[in-house]
């Protein structure tokens, strides 16, 4: 049983690491990962992410995020 439990833990950890690594492949996934890392798991799933169709020379493509809340002020943040 100890070996089976160890295998389950290793496989679970590998899946989590793989999903984290895959989040770098898409801008939308990267924004959702950023929201999740700031301890807002519900907002990371509910946020509506849309492209603004603009390319900033310094920051690159711009995206609008509806549903991203600032934890200190409670205000909604829009453009990321």
C-alpha atoms as a PDB file:
ATOM      1  CA  UNK A   1       0.000   0.000   0.000  1.00  0.00           C
ATOM      2  CA  UNK A   2       2.861   2.419   0.674  1.00  0.00           C
ATOM      3  CA  UNK A   3       4.113   2.072  -2.895  1.00  0.00           C
ATOM      4  CA  UNK A   4       0.640   2.658  -4.322  1.00  0.00           C
ATOM      5  CA  UNK A   5       0.216   5.817  -2.221  1.00  0.00           C
ATOM      6  CA  UNK A   6       3.629   7.083  -3.310  1.00  0.00           C
ATOM      7  CA  UNK A   7       2.763   6.499  -6.980  1.00  0.00           C
ATOM      8  CA  UNK A   8      -0.520   8.395  -6.600  1.00  0.00           C
ATOM      9  CA  UNK A   9       1.273  11.354  -5.006  1.00  0.00           C
ATOM     10  CA  UNK A  10       3.969  11.407  -7.712  1.00  0.00           C
ATOM     11  CA  UNK A  11       1.441  11.185 -10.555  1.00  0.00           C
ATOM     12  CA  UNK A  12      -0.717  13.908  -8.993  1.00  0.00           C
ATOM     13  CA  UNK A  13       2.283  16.202  -8.603  1.00  0.00           C
ATOM     14  CA  UNK A  14       3.331  15.533 -12.210  1.00  0.00           C
ATOM     15  CA  UNK A  15      -0.151  16.417 -13.491  1.00  0.00           C
ATOM     16  CA  UNK A  16      -0.162  19.675 -11.517  1.00  0.00           C
ATOM     17  CA  UNK A  17       3.277  20.641 -12.840  1.00  0.00           C
ATOM     18  CA  UNK A  18       2.231  19.759 -16.389  1.00  0.00           C
ATOM     19  CA  UNK A  19      -0.927  21.877 -16.179  1.00  0.00           C
ATOM     20  CA  UNK A  20       1.086  24.765 -14.761  1.00  0.00           C
ATOM     21  CA  UNK A  21       3.598  24.498 -17.626  1.00  0.00           C
ATOM     22  CA  UNK A  22       0.800  24.377 -20.223  1.00  0.00           C
ATOM     23  CA  UNK A  23      -0.614  27.634 -18.883  1.00  0.00           C
ATOM     24  CA  UNK A  24       2.285  29.493 -20.528  1.00  0.00           C
ATOM     25  CA  UNK A  25       1.141  28.514 -24.049  1.00  0.00           C
ATOM     26  CA  UNK A  26      -1.864  30.844 -24.281  1.00  0.00           C
ATOM     27  CA  UNK A  27      -2.264  34.491 -23.229  1.00  0.00           C
ATOM     28  CA  UNK A  28      -5.706  33.725 -21.792  1.00  0.00           C
ATOM     29  CA  UNK A  29      -4.371  30.830 -19.725  1.00  0.00           C
ATOM     30  CA  UNK A  30      -1.491  33.009 -18.516  1.00  0.00           C
ATOM     31  CA  UNK A  31      -3.910  35.695 -17.324  1.00  0.00           C
ATOM     32  CA  UNK A  32      -6.079  33.079 -15.596  1.00  0.00           C
ATOM     33  CA  UNK A  33      -2.963  31.601 -13.909  1.00  0.00           C
ATOM     34  CA  UNK A  34      -1.993  35.089 -12.724  1.00  0.00           C
ATOM     35  CA  UNK A  35      -5.455  35.599 -11.205  1.00  0.00           C
ATOM     36  CA  UNK A  36      -5.268  32.157  -9.570  1.00  0.00           C
ATOM     37  CA  UNK A  37      -1.814  32.895  -8.128  1.00  0.00           C
ATOM     38  CA  UNK A  38      -3.284  35.995  -6.452  1.00  0.00           C
ATOM     39  CA  UNK A  39      -5.649  33.704  -4.499  1.00  0.00           C
ATOM     40  CA  UNK A  40      -8.790  34.379  -6.533  1.00  0.00           C
ATOM     41  CA  UNK A  41      -9.737  30.894  -7.801  1.00  0.00           C
ATOM     42  CA  UNK A  42     -13.386  31.701  -8.519  1.00  0.00           C
ATOM     43  CA  UNK A  43     -12.469  34.879 -10.409  1.00  0.00           C
ATOM     44  CA  UNK A  44      -9.890  32.962 -12.449  1.00  0.00           C
ATOM     45  CA  UNK A  45     -12.698  30.768 -13.768  1.00  0.00           C
ATOM     46  CA  UNK A  46     -15.357  33.475 -14.149  1.00  0.00           C
ATOM     47  CA  UNK A  47     -13.234  36.270 -15.656  1.00  0.00           C
ATOM     48  CA  UNK A  48     -14.058  37.230 -19.223  1.00  0.00           C
ATOM     49  CA  UNK A  49     -10.876  37.865 -21.203  1.00  0.00           C
ATOM     50  CA  UNK A  50     -11.020  39.624 -24.559  1.00  0.00           C
ATOM     51  CA  UNK A  51      -8.365  41.098 -26.793  1.00  0.00           C
ATOM     52  CA  UNK A  52      -8.414  44.844 -27.380  1.00  0.00           C
ATOM     53  CA  UNK A  53      -6.927  44.483 -30.849  1.00  0.00           C
ATOM     54  CA  UNK A  54      -4.100  46.866 -29.981  1.00  0.00           C
ATOM     55  CA  UNK A  55      -0.381  46.224 -29.829  1.00  0.00           C
ATOM     56  CA  UNK A  56       1.590  48.403 -27.447  1.00  0.00           C
ATOM     57  CA  UNK A  57       5.258  48.824 -28.446  1.00  0.00           C
ATOM     58  CA  UNK A  58       6.385  48.271 -24.852  1.00  0.00           C
ATOM     59  CA  UNK A  59       3.884  45.692 -23.518  1.00  0.00           C
ATOM     60  CA  UNK A  60       2.733  43.849 -26.644  1.00  0.00           C
ATOM     61  CA  UNK A  61      -0.874  42.721 -27.158  1.00  0.00           C
ATOM     62  CA  UNK A  62      -3.390  44.227 -24.744  1.00  0.00           C
ATOM     63  CA  UNK A  63      -6.286  42.302 -23.193  1.00  0.00           C
ATOM     64  CA  UNK A  64      -9.399  43.387 -21.306  1.00  0.00           C
ATOM     65  CA  UNK A  65     -10.255  41.305 -18.237  1.00  0.00           C
ATOM     66  CA  UNK A  66     -13.749  41.604 -16.769  1.00  0.00           C
ATOM     67  CA  UNK A  67     -13.994  40.102 -13.298  1.00  0.00           C
ATOM     68  CA  UNK A  68     -10.469  40.755 -11.979  1.00  0.00           C
ATOM     69  CA  UNK A  69     -10.784  42.254  -8.502  1.00  0.00           C
ATOM     70  CA  UNK A  70      -8.126  44.150  -6.562  1.00  0.00           C
ATOM     71  CA  UNK A  71      -7.910  42.480  -3.154  1.00  0.00           C
ATOM     72  CA  UNK A  72      -6.836  45.610  -1.268  1.00  0.00           C
ATOM     73  CA  UNK A  73      -9.439  48.057  -2.588  1.00  0.00           C
ATOM     74  CA  UNK A  74     -12.170  45.722  -3.825  1.00  0.00           C
ATOM     75  CA  UNK A  75     -12.324  47.578  -7.140  1.00  0.00           C
ATOM     76  CA  UNK A  76     -12.490  45.829 -10.481  1.00  0.00           C
ATOM     77  CA  UNK A  77      -9.379  46.065 -12.632  1.00  0.00           C
ATOM     78  CA  UNK A  78      -9.880  46.032 -16.384  1.00  0.00           C
ATOM     79  CA  UNK A  79      -6.965  46.172 -18.796  1.00  0.00           C
ATOM     80  CA  UNK A  80      -4.069  43.761 -18.379  1.00  0.00           C
END
